Amino acid sequence: MASVHNLMEEIVKNCLKDLLQHQESLVEVDERAQSDILAIALNKLPSKYVSTTQGEMLAKTQLRSQVETDVYRELANAIDIVVNSKRNSVFDETNE
């Protein structure tokens, strides 16, 4: 069976990486917070699954320009939630 993956995940990760590199206020966002940000943003965005390299290349070309604005908006919302929220015990590693 061919491998299937969500292209949106790669796009969101790349956009988050770009934001983290260019926003001084986000320099100290740790790995766990980055994972939280990714999860929140991905849950708000539509999935875009591909199963072939050809399909991936075609979809990337079409998707990048179409969804980039939505991705950055959802990342900004997710960053706001994660960075500005008071993390309670639900997010505490000791309670996992």
PDB file of N, CA and C in Angstrom:
ATOM      1  N   MET A   1       0.849  -1.183   0.000  1.00  0.00           N
ATOM      2  CA  MET A   1       0.000   0.000   0.000  1.00  0.00           C
ATOM      3  C   MET A   1       0.895   1.247   0.000  1.00  0.00           C
ATOM      4  N   ALA A   2       0.519   2.232  -0.780  1.00  0.00           N
ATOM      5  CA  ALA A   2       1.280   3.479  -0.881  1.00  0.00           C
ATOM      6  C   ALA A   2       1.162   4.284   0.415  1.00  0.00           C
ATOM      7  N   SER A   3       2.192   5.021   0.693  1.00  0.00           N
ATOM      8  CA  SER A   3       2.198   5.885   1.863  1.00  0.00           C
ATOM      9  C   SER A   3       1.309   7.101   1.613  1.00  0.00           C
ATOM     10  N   VAL A   4       0.514   7.436   2.599  1.00  0.00           N
ATOM     11  CA  VAL A   4      -0.372   8.589   2.503  1.00  0.00           C
ATOM     12  C   VAL A   4       0.020   9.571   3.598  1.00  0.00           C
ATOM     13  N   HIS A   5       0.132  10.841   3.247  1.00  0.00           N
ATOM     14  CA  HIS A   5       0.413  11.823   4.293  1.00  0.00           C
ATOM     15  C   HIS A   5      -0.315  13.140   4.025  1.00  0.00           C
ATOM     16  N   ASN A   6      -0.470  13.887   5.102  1.00  0.00           N
ATOM     17  CA  ASN A   6      -1.184  15.151   5.073  1.00  0.00           C
ATOM     18  C   ASN A   6      -0.211  16.265   4.693  1.00  0.00           C
ATOM     19  N   LEU A   7      -0.350  16.780   3.490  1.00  0.00           N
ATOM     20  CA  LEU A   7       0.515  17.855   3.009  1.00  0.00           C
ATOM     21  C   LEU A   7       0.406  19.112   3.866  1.00  0.00           C
ATOM     22  N   MET A   8      -0.760  19.336   4.428  1.00  0.00           N
ATOM     23  CA  MET A   8      -0.972  20.538   5.233  1.00  0.00           C
ATOM     24  C   MET A   8      -0.011  20.570   6.425  1.00  0.00           C
ATOM     25  N   GLU A   9       0.301  19.394   6.945  1.00  0.00           N
ATOM     26  CA  GLU A   9       1.224  19.321   8.088  1.00  0.00           C
ATOM     27  C   GLU A   9       2.591  19.900   7.720  1.00  0.00           C
ATOM     28  N   GLU A  10       3.089  19.541   6.568  1.00  0.00           N
ATOM     29  CA  GLU A  10       4.387  20.048   6.107  1.00  0.00           C
ATOM     30  C   GLU A  10       4.337  21.559   5.875  1.00  0.00           C
ATOM     31  N   ILE A  11       3.257  22.032   5.268  1.00  0.00           N
ATOM     32  CA  ILE A  11       3.112  23.461   5.001  1.00  0.00           C
ATOM     33  C   ILE A  11       3.059  24.245   6.306  1.00  0.00           C
ATOM     34  N   VAL A  12       2.290  23.760   7.281  1.00  0.00           N
ATOM     35  CA  VAL A  12       2.156  24.450   8.564  1.00  0.00           C
ATOM     36  C   VAL A  12       3.490  24.444   9.315  1.00  0.00           C
ATOM     37  N   LYS A  13       4.202  23.328   9.296  1.00  0.00           N
ATOM     38  CA  LYS A  13       5.511  23.259   9.957  1.00  0.00           C
ATOM     39  C   LYS A  13       6.471  24.269   9.344  1.00  0.00           C
ATOM     40  N   ASN A  14       6.491  24.352   8.012  1.00  0.00           N
ATOM     41  CA  ASN A  14       7.390  25.296   7.341  1.00  0.00           C
ATOM     42  C   ASN A  14       7.023  26.740   7.647  1.00  0.00           C
ATOM     43  N   CYS A  15       5.745  27.040   7.685  1.00  0.00           N
ATOM     44  CA  CYS A  15       5.303  28.396   8.015  1.00  0.00           C
ATOM     45  C   CYS A  15       5.637  28.748   9.462  1.00  0.00           C
ATOM     46  N   LEU A  16       5.464  27.800  10.374  1.00  0.00           N
ATOM     47  CA  LEU A  16       5.814  28.045  11.772  1.00  0.00           C
ATOM     48  C   LEU A  16       7.317  28.277  11.911  1.00  0.00           C
ATOM     49  N   LYS A  17       8.104  27.482  11.230  1.00  0.00           N
ATOM     50  CA  LYS A  17       9.562  27.654  11.258  1.00  0.00           C
ATOM     51  C   LYS A  17       9.932  29.051  10.777  1.00  0.00           C
ATOM     52  N   ASP A  18       9.285  29.500   9.702  1.00  0.00           N
ATOM     53  CA  ASP A  18       9.521  30.840   9.170  1.00  0.00           C
ATOM     54  C   ASP A  18       9.147  31.909  10.192  1.00  0.00           C
ATOM     55  N   LEU A  19       7.995  31.748  10.828  1.00  0.00           N
ATOM     56  CA  LEU A  19       7.572  32.712  11.851  1.00  0.00           C
ATOM     57  C   LEU A  19       8.557  32.767  13.017  1.00  0.00           C
ATOM     58  N   LEU A  20       9.003  31.609  13.474  1.00  0.00           N
ATOM     59  CA  LEU A  20       9.917  31.551  14.614  1.00  0.00           C
ATOM     60  C   LEU A  20      11.258  32.207  14.294  1.00  0.00           C
ATOM     61  N   GLN A  21      11.689  32.100  13.048  1.00  0.00           N
ATOM     62  CA  GLN A  21      12.963  32.700  12.644  1.00  0.00           C
ATOM     63  C   GLN A  21      12.873  34.213  12.490  1.00  0.00           C
ATOM     64  N   HIS A  22      11.688  34.721  12.166  1.00  0.00           N
ATOM     65  CA  HIS A  22      11.549  36.140  11.856  1.00  0.00           C
ATOM     66  C   HIS A  22      10.835  36.964  12.921  1.00  0.00           C
ATOM     67  N   GLN A  23      10.355  36.336  13.966  1.00  0.00           N
ATOM     68  CA  GLN A  23       9.673  37.056  15.044  1.00  0.00           C
ATOM     69  C   GLN A  23      10.503  36.952  16.318  1.00  0.00           C
ATOM     70  N   GLU A  24      11.136  38.039  16.682  1.00  0.00           N
ATOM     71  CA  GLU A  24      11.995  38.025  17.870  1.00  0.00           C
ATOM     72  C   GLU A  24      11.239  37.624  19.130  1.00  0.00           C
ATOM     73  N   SER A  25       9.984  37.971  19.212  1.00  0.00           N
ATOM     74  CA  SER A  25       9.199  37.662  20.405  1.00  0.00           C
ATOM     75  C   SER A  25       8.946  36.161  20.561  1.00  0.00           C
ATOM     76  N   LEU A  26       9.181  35.377  19.498  1.00  0.00           N
ATOM     77  CA  LEU A  26       8.927  33.940  19.544  1.00  0.00           C
ATOM     78  C   LEU A  26      10.194  33.109  19.678  1.00  0.00           C
ATOM     79  N   VAL A  27      11.330  33.760  19.864  1.00  0.00           N
ATOM     80  CA  VAL A  27      12.610  33.061  19.914  1.00  0.00           C
ATOM     81  C   VAL A  27      12.631  31.975  20.989  1.00  0.00           C
ATOM     82  N   GLU A  28      11.999  32.226  22.105  1.00  0.00           N
ATOM     83  CA  GLU A  28      12.093  31.296  23.223  1.00  0.00           C
ATOM     84  C   GLU A  28      10.919  30.319  23.323  1.00  0.00           C
ATOM     85  N   VAL A  29      10.173  30.136  22.253  1.00  0.00           N
ATOM     86  CA  VAL A  29       9.079  29.174  22.257  1.00  0.00           C
ATOM     87  C   VAL A  29       9.697  27.778  22.229  1.00  0.00           C
ATOM     88  N   ASP A  30       9.468  27.008  23.287  1.00  0.00           N
ATOM     89  CA  ASP A  30      10.106  25.692  23.383  1.00  0.00           C
ATOM     90  C   ASP A  30       9.440  24.663  22.475  1.00  0.00           C
ATOM     91  N   GLU A  31      10.045  23.493  22.407  1.00  0.00           N
ATOM     92  CA  GLU A  31       9.577  22.442  21.505  1.00  0.00           C
ATOM     93  C   GLU A  31       8.150  21.981  21.820  1.00  0.00           C
ATOM     94  N   ARG A  32       7.842  21.880  23.092  1.00  0.00           N
ATOM     95  CA  ARG A  32       6.493  21.454  23.483  1.00  0.00           C
ATOM     96  C   ARG A  32       5.450  22.488  23.073  1.00  0.00           C
ATOM     97  N   ALA A  33       5.782  23.755  23.258  1.00  0.00           N
ATOM     98  CA  ALA A  33       4.868  24.827  22.849  1.00  0.00           C
ATOM     99  C   ALA A  33       4.705  24.826  21.326  1.00  0.00           C
ATOM    100  N   GLN A  34       5.782  24.569  20.603  1.00  0.00           N
ATOM    101  CA  GLN A  34       5.698  24.488  19.142  1.00  0.00           C
ATOM    102  C   GLN A  34       4.757  23.359  18.722  1.00  0.00           C
ATOM    103  N   SER A  35       4.853  22.226  19.402  1.00  0.00           N
ATOM    104  CA  SER A  35       3.959  21.102  19.108  1.00  0.00           C
ATOM    105  C   SER A  35       2.505  21.472  19.384  1.00  0.00           C
ATOM    106  N   ASP A  36       2.278  22.182  20.480  1.00  0.00           N
ATOM    107  CA  ASP A  36       0.920  22.636  20.808  1.00  0.00           C
ATOM    108  C   ASP A  36       0.395  23.578  19.725  1.00  0.00           C
ATOM    109  N   ILE A  37       1.241  24.504  19.291  1.00  0.00           N
ATOM    110  CA  ILE A  37       0.868  25.465  18.259  1.00  0.00           C
ATOM    111  C   ILE A  37       0.500  24.729  16.967  1.00  0.00           C
ATOM    112  N   LEU A  38       1.348  23.771  16.573  1.00  0.00           N
ATOM    113  CA  LEU A  38       1.075  22.988  15.363  1.00  0.00           C
ATOM    114  C   LEU A  38      -0.250  22.251  15.467  1.00  0.00           C
ATOM    115  N   ALA A  39      -0.484  21.610  16.600  1.00  0.00           N
ATOM    116  CA  ALA A  39      -1.714  20.834  16.776  1.00  0.00           C
ATOM    117  C   ALA A  39      -2.950  21.726  16.699  1.00  0.00           C
ATOM    118  N   ILE A  40      -2.907  22.862  17.355  1.00  0.00           N
ATOM    119  CA  ILE A  40      -4.051  23.780  17.349  1.00  0.00           C
ATOM    120  C   ILE A  40      -4.321  24.280  15.933  1.00  0.00           C
ATOM    121  N   ALA A  41      -3.273  24.709  15.239  1.00  0.00           N
ATOM    122  CA  ALA A  41      -3.442  25.228  13.883  1.00  0.00           C
ATOM    123  C   ALA A  41      -3.939  24.136  12.930  1.00  0.00           C
ATOM    124  N   LEU A  42      -3.339  22.950  13.008  1.00  0.00           N
ATOM    125  CA  LEU A  42      -3.740  21.863  12.109  1.00  0.00           C
ATOM    126  C   LEU A  42      -5.188  21.434  12.337  1.00  0.00           C
ATOM    127  N   ASN A  43      -5.650  21.497  13.561  1.00  0.00           N
ATOM    128  CA  ASN A  43      -7.033  21.138  13.839  1.00  0.00           C
ATOM    129  C   ASN A  43      -8.025  22.142  13.254  1.00  0.00           C
ATOM    130  N   LYS A  44      -7.575  23.348  12.983  1.00  0.00           N
ATOM    131  CA  LYS A  44      -8.446  24.381  12.406  1.00  0.00           C
ATOM    132  C   LYS A  44      -8.396  24.409  10.879  1.00  0.00           C
ATOM    133  N   LEU A  45      -7.400  23.755  10.295  1.00  0.00           N
ATOM    134  CA  LEU A  45      -7.204  23.789   8.845  1.00  0.00           C
ATOM    135  C   LEU A  45      -7.665  22.482   8.200  1.00  0.00           C
ATOM    136  N   PRO A  46      -8.084  22.546   6.938  1.00  0.00           N
ATOM    137  CA  PRO A  46      -8.494  21.316   6.253  1.00  0.00           C
ATOM    138  C   PRO A  46      -7.285  20.433   5.947  1.00  0.00           C
ATOM    139  N   SER A  47      -7.478  19.138   6.003  1.00  0.00           N
ATOM    140  CA  SER A  47      -6.424  18.186   5.654  1.00  0.00           C
ATOM    141  C   SER A  47      -6.319  18.103   4.138  1.00  0.00           C
ATOM    142  N   LYS A  48      -5.113  17.872   3.660  1.00  0.00           N
ATOM    143  CA  LYS A  48      -4.876  17.692   2.225  1.00  0.00           C
ATOM    144  C   LYS A  48      -3.948  16.489   2.072  1.00  0.00           C
ATOM    145  N   TYR A  49      -4.542  15.337   1.817  1.00  0.00           N
ATOM    146  CA  TYR A  49      -3.773  14.098   1.741  1.00  0.00           C
ATOM    147  C   TYR A  49      -3.323  13.795   0.324  1.00  0.00           C
ATOM    148  N   VAL A  50      -2.109  13.262   0.203  1.00  0.00           N
ATOM    149  CA  VAL A  50      -1.561  12.806  -1.076  1.00  0.00           C
ATOM    150  C   VAL A  50      -0.944  11.432  -0.872  1.00  0.00           C
ATOM    151  N   SER A  51      -0.852  10.681  -1.982  1.00  0.00           N
ATOM    152  CA  SER A  51      -0.276   9.344  -1.875  1.00  0.00           C
ATOM    153  C   SER A  51       0.865   9.105  -2.856  1.00  0.00           C
ATOM    154  N   THR A  52       1.084  10.034  -3.792  1.00  0.00           N
ATOM    155  CA  THR A  52       2.171   9.858  -4.749  1.00  0.00           C
ATOM    156  C   THR A  52       3.037  11.112  -4.787  1.00  0.00           C
ATOM    157  N   THR A  53       4.257  10.944  -5.257  1.00  0.00           N
ATOM    158  CA  THR A  53       5.166  12.078  -5.393  1.00  0.00           C
ATOM    159  C   THR A  53       4.623  13.078  -6.406  1.00  0.00           C
ATOM    160  N   GLN A  54       4.067  12.569  -7.488  1.00  0.00           N
ATOM    161  CA  GLN A  54       3.497  13.440  -8.512  1.00  0.00           C
ATOM    162  C   GLN A  54       2.324  14.249  -7.944  1.00  0.00           C
ATOM    163  N   GLY A  55       1.465  13.585  -7.188  1.00  0.00           N
ATOM    164  CA  GLY A  55       0.347  14.266  -6.557  1.00  0.00           C
ATOM    165  C   GLY A  55       0.814  15.290  -5.541  1.00  0.00           C
ATOM    166  N   GLU A  56       1.871  14.957  -4.814  1.00  0.00           N
ATOM    167  CA  GLU A  56       2.427  15.878  -3.819  1.00  0.00           C
ATOM    168  C   GLU A  56       2.958  17.138  -4.488  1.00  0.00           C
ATOM    169  N   MET A  57       3.693  16.964  -5.572  1.00  0.00           N
ATOM    170  CA  MET A  57       4.262  18.126  -6.270  1.00  0.00           C
ATOM    171  C   MET A  57       3.159  19.022  -6.829  1.00  0.00           C
ATOM    172  N   LEU A  58       2.153  18.422  -7.426  1.00  0.00           N
ATOM    173  CA  LEU A  58       1.034  19.183  -7.975  1.00  0.00           C
ATOM    174  C   LEU A  58       0.272  19.909  -6.868  1.00  0.00           C
ATOM    175  N   ALA A  59      -0.020  19.199  -5.809  1.00  0.00           N
ATOM    176  CA  ALA A  59      -0.773  19.780  -4.694  1.00  0.00           C
ATOM    177  C   ALA A  59       0.011  20.900  -4.009  1.00  0.00           C
ATOM    178  N   LYS A  60       1.322  20.701  -3.823  1.00  0.00           N
ATOM    179  CA  LYS A  60       2.144  21.745  -3.190  1.00  0.00           C
ATOM    180  C   LYS A  60       2.099  23.028  -3.995  1.00  0.00           C
ATOM    181  N   THR A  61       2.217  22.904  -5.305  1.00  0.00           N
ATOM    182  CA  THR A  61       2.193  24.080  -6.174  1.00  0.00           C
ATOM    183  C   THR A  61       0.869  24.823  -6.041  1.00  0.00           C
ATOM    184  N   GLN A  62      -0.209  24.104  -6.039  1.00  0.00           N
ATOM    185  CA  GLN A  62      -1.532  24.721  -5.962  1.00  0.00           C
ATOM    186  C   GLN A  62      -1.859  25.201  -4.552  1.00  0.00           C
ATOM    187  N   LEU A  63      -1.518  24.392  -3.567  1.00  0.00           N
ATOM    188  CA  LEU A  63      -1.904  24.678  -2.187  1.00  0.00           C
ATOM    189  C   LEU A  63      -1.167  25.847  -1.571  1.00  0.00           C
ATOM    190  N   ARG A  64       0.124  25.911  -1.784  1.00  0.00           N
ATOM    191  CA  ARG A  64       0.944  26.904  -1.094  1.00  0.00           C
ATOM    192  C   ARG A  64       0.345  28.301  -1.213  1.00  0.00           C
ATOM    193  N   SER A  65       0.049  28.719  -2.424  1.00  0.00           N
ATOM    194  CA  SER A  65      -0.479  30.070  -2.610  1.00  0.00           C
ATOM    195  C   SER A  65      -1.916  30.194  -2.109  1.00  0.00           C
ATOM    196  N   GLN A  66      -2.693  29.131  -2.215  1.00  0.00           N
ATOM    197  CA  GLN A  66      -4.100  29.181  -1.809  1.00  0.00           C
ATOM    198  C   GLN A  66      -4.281  29.231  -0.301  1.00  0.00           C
ATOM    199  N   VAL A  67      -3.476  28.489   0.430  1.00  0.00           N
ATOM    200  CA  VAL A  67      -3.736  28.341   1.862  1.00  0.00           C
ATOM    201  C   VAL A  67      -2.775  29.089   2.773  1.00  0.00           C
ATOM    202  N   GLU A  68      -1.735  29.689   2.209  1.00  0.00           N
ATOM    203  CA  GLU A  68      -0.723  30.323   3.053  1.00  0.00           C
ATOM    204  C   GLU A  68      -1.325  31.365   3.993  1.00  0.00           C
ATOM    205  N   THR A  69      -2.227  32.190   3.505  1.00  0.00           N
ATOM    206  CA  THR A  69      -2.859  33.207   4.349  1.00  0.00           C
ATOM    207  C   THR A  69      -3.622  32.557   5.496  1.00  0.00           C
ATOM    208  N   ASP A  70      -4.374  31.499   5.185  1.00  0.00           N
ATOM    209  CA  ASP A  70      -5.117  30.782   6.227  1.00  0.00           C
ATOM    210  C   ASP A  70      -4.175  30.147   7.239  1.00  0.00           C
ATOM    211  N   VAL A  71      -3.074  29.588   6.751  1.00  0.00           N
ATOM    212  CA  VAL A  71      -2.099  28.935   7.641  1.00  0.00           C
ATOM    213  C   VAL A  71      -1.505  29.956   8.599  1.00  0.00           C
ATOM    214  N   TYR A  72      -1.061  31.094   8.085  1.00  0.00           N
ATOM    215  CA  TYR A  72      -0.466  32.111   8.961  1.00  0.00           C
ATOM    216  C   TYR A  72      -1.496  32.666   9.955  1.00  0.00           C
ATOM    217  N   ARG A  73      -2.741  32.815   9.526  1.00  0.00           N
ATOM    218  CA  ARG A  73      -3.785  33.281  10.446  1.00  0.00           C
ATOM    219  C   ARG A  73      -3.996  32.280  11.576  1.00  0.00           C
ATOM    220  N   GLU A  74      -4.098  30.991  11.238  1.00  0.00           N
ATOM    221  CA  GLU A  74      -4.316  29.976  12.268  1.00  0.00           C
ATOM    222  C   GLU A  74      -3.092  29.810  13.166  1.00  0.00           C
ATOM    223  N   LEU A  75      -1.899  29.953  12.592  1.00  0.00           N
ATOM    224  CA  LEU A  75      -0.690  29.906  13.426  1.00  0.00           C
ATOM    225  C   LEU A  75      -0.669  31.083  14.398  1.00  0.00           C
ATOM    226  N   ALA A  76      -1.033  32.259  13.934  1.00  0.00           N
ATOM    227  CA  ALA A  76      -1.071  33.429  14.821  1.00  0.00           C
ATOM    228  C   ALA A  76      -2.064  33.212  15.958  1.00  0.00           C
ATOM    229  N   ASN A  77      -3.229  32.668  15.641  1.00  0.00           N
ATOM    230  CA  ASN A  77      -4.220  32.370  16.683  1.00  0.00           C
ATOM    231  C   ASN A  77      -3.690  31.327  17.660  1.00  0.00           C
ATOM    232  N   ALA A  78      -3.048  30.284  17.128  1.00  0.00           N
ATOM    233  CA  ALA A  78      -2.518  29.218  17.980  1.00  0.00           C
ATOM    234  C   ALA A  78      -1.385  29.737  18.864  1.00  0.00           C
ATOM    235  N   ILE A  79      -0.527  30.579  18.301  1.00  0.00           N
ATOM    236  CA  ILE A  79       0.565  31.171  19.088  1.00  0.00           C
ATOM    237  C   ILE A  79      -0.013  32.001  20.214  1.00  0.00           C
ATOM    238  N   ASP A  80      -1.031  32.782  19.913  1.00  0.00           N
ATOM    239  CA  ASP A  80      -1.683  33.609  20.927  1.00  0.00           C
ATOM    240  C   ASP A  80      -2.230  32.736  22.060  1.00  0.00           C
ATOM    241  N   ILE A  81      -2.871  31.645  21.698  1.00  0.00           N
ATOM    242  CA  ILE A  81      -3.427  30.735  22.707  1.00  0.00           C
ATOM    243  C   ILE A  81      -2.328  30.134  23.573  1.00  0.00           C
ATOM    244  N   VAL A  82      -1.285  29.629  22.942  1.00  0.00           N
ATOM    245  CA  VAL A  82      -0.237  28.913  23.677  1.00  0.00           C
ATOM    246  C   VAL A  82       0.651  29.853  24.473  1.00  0.00           C
ATOM    247  N   VAL A  83       1.102  30.923  23.844  1.00  0.00           N
ATOM    248  CA  VAL A  83       2.055  31.823  24.496  1.00  0.00           C
ATOM    249  C   VAL A  83       1.399  32.670  25.581  1.00  0.00           C
ATOM    250  N   ASN A  84       0.177  33.094  25.340  1.00  0.00           N
ATOM    251  CA  ASN A  84      -0.470  34.013  26.277  1.00  0.00           C
ATOM    252  C   ASN A  84      -1.354  33.343  27.312  1.00  0.00           C
ATOM    253  N   SER A  85      -1.553  32.059  27.182  1.00  0.00           N
ATOM    254  CA  SER A  85      -2.406  31.392  28.162  1.00  0.00           C
ATOM    255  C   SER A  85      -1.592  31.024  29.395  1.00  0.00           C
ATOM    256  N   LYS A  86      -2.277  30.943  30.468  1.00  0.00           N
ATOM    257  CA  LYS A  86      -1.648  30.443  31.689  1.00  0.00           C
ATOM    258  C   LYS A  86      -1.750  28.934  31.615  1.00  0.00           C
ATOM    259  N   ARG A  87      -0.638  28.272  31.523  1.00  0.00           N
ATOM    260  CA  ARG A  87      -0.668  26.813  31.409  1.00  0.00           C
ATOM    261  C   ARG A  87      -1.028  26.221  32.759  1.00  0.00           C
ATOM    262  N   ASN A  88      -2.131  25.493  32.765  1.00  0.00           N
ATOM    263  CA  ASN A  88      -2.523  24.849  34.011  1.00  0.00           C
ATOM    264  C   ASN A  88      -2.059  23.400  34.003  1.00  0.00           C
ATOM    265  N   SER A  89      -2.484  22.639  34.946  1.00  0.00           N
ATOM    266  CA  SER A  89      -2.005  21.276  35.113  1.00  0.00           C
ATOM    267  C   SER A  89      -2.317  20.369  33.927  1.00  0.00           C
ATOM    268  N   VAL A  90      -3.278  20.731  33.109  1.00  0.00           N
ATOM    269  CA  VAL A  90      -3.593  19.918  31.935  1.00  0.00           C
ATOM    270  C   VAL A  90      -2.386  19.845  31.002  1.00  0.00           C
ATOM    271  N   PHE A  91      -1.610  20.908  30.948  1.00  0.00           N
ATOM    272  CA  PHE A  91      -0.444  20.963  30.069  1.00  0.00           C
ATOM    273  C   PHE A  91       0.837  20.564  30.792  1.00  0.00           C
ATOM    274  N   ASP A  92       0.767  20.317  32.061  1.00  0.00           N
ATOM    275  CA  ASP A  92       1.959  19.999  32.864  1.00  0.00           C
ATOM    276  C   ASP A  92       2.416  18.568  32.588  1.00  0.00           C
ATOM    277  N   GLU A  93       3.690  18.415  32.250  1.00  0.00           N
ATOM    278  CA  GLU A  93       4.247  17.087  31.940  1.00  0.00           C
ATOM    279  C   GLU A  93       4.089  16.101  33.078  1.00  0.00           C
ATOM    280  N   THR A  94       4.103  16.555  34.293  1.00  0.00           N
ATOM    281  CA  THR A  94       4.027  15.658  35.432  1.00  0.00           C
ATOM    282  C   THR A  94       2.666  14.985  35.547  1.00  0.00           C
ATOM    283  N   ASN A  95       1.659  15.518  34.860  1.00  0.00           N
ATOM    284  CA  ASN A  95       0.317  14.961  34.932  1.00  0.00           C
ATOM    285  C   ASN A  95      -0.040  14.116  33.722  1.00  0.00           C
ATOM    286  N   GLU A  96       0.939  13.833  32.866  1.00  0.00           N
ATOM    287  CA  GLU A  96       0.633  13.047  31.666  1.00  0.00           C
ATOM    288  C   GLU A  96       0.479  11.585  31.984  1.00  0.00           C
TER     289      GLU A  96
END
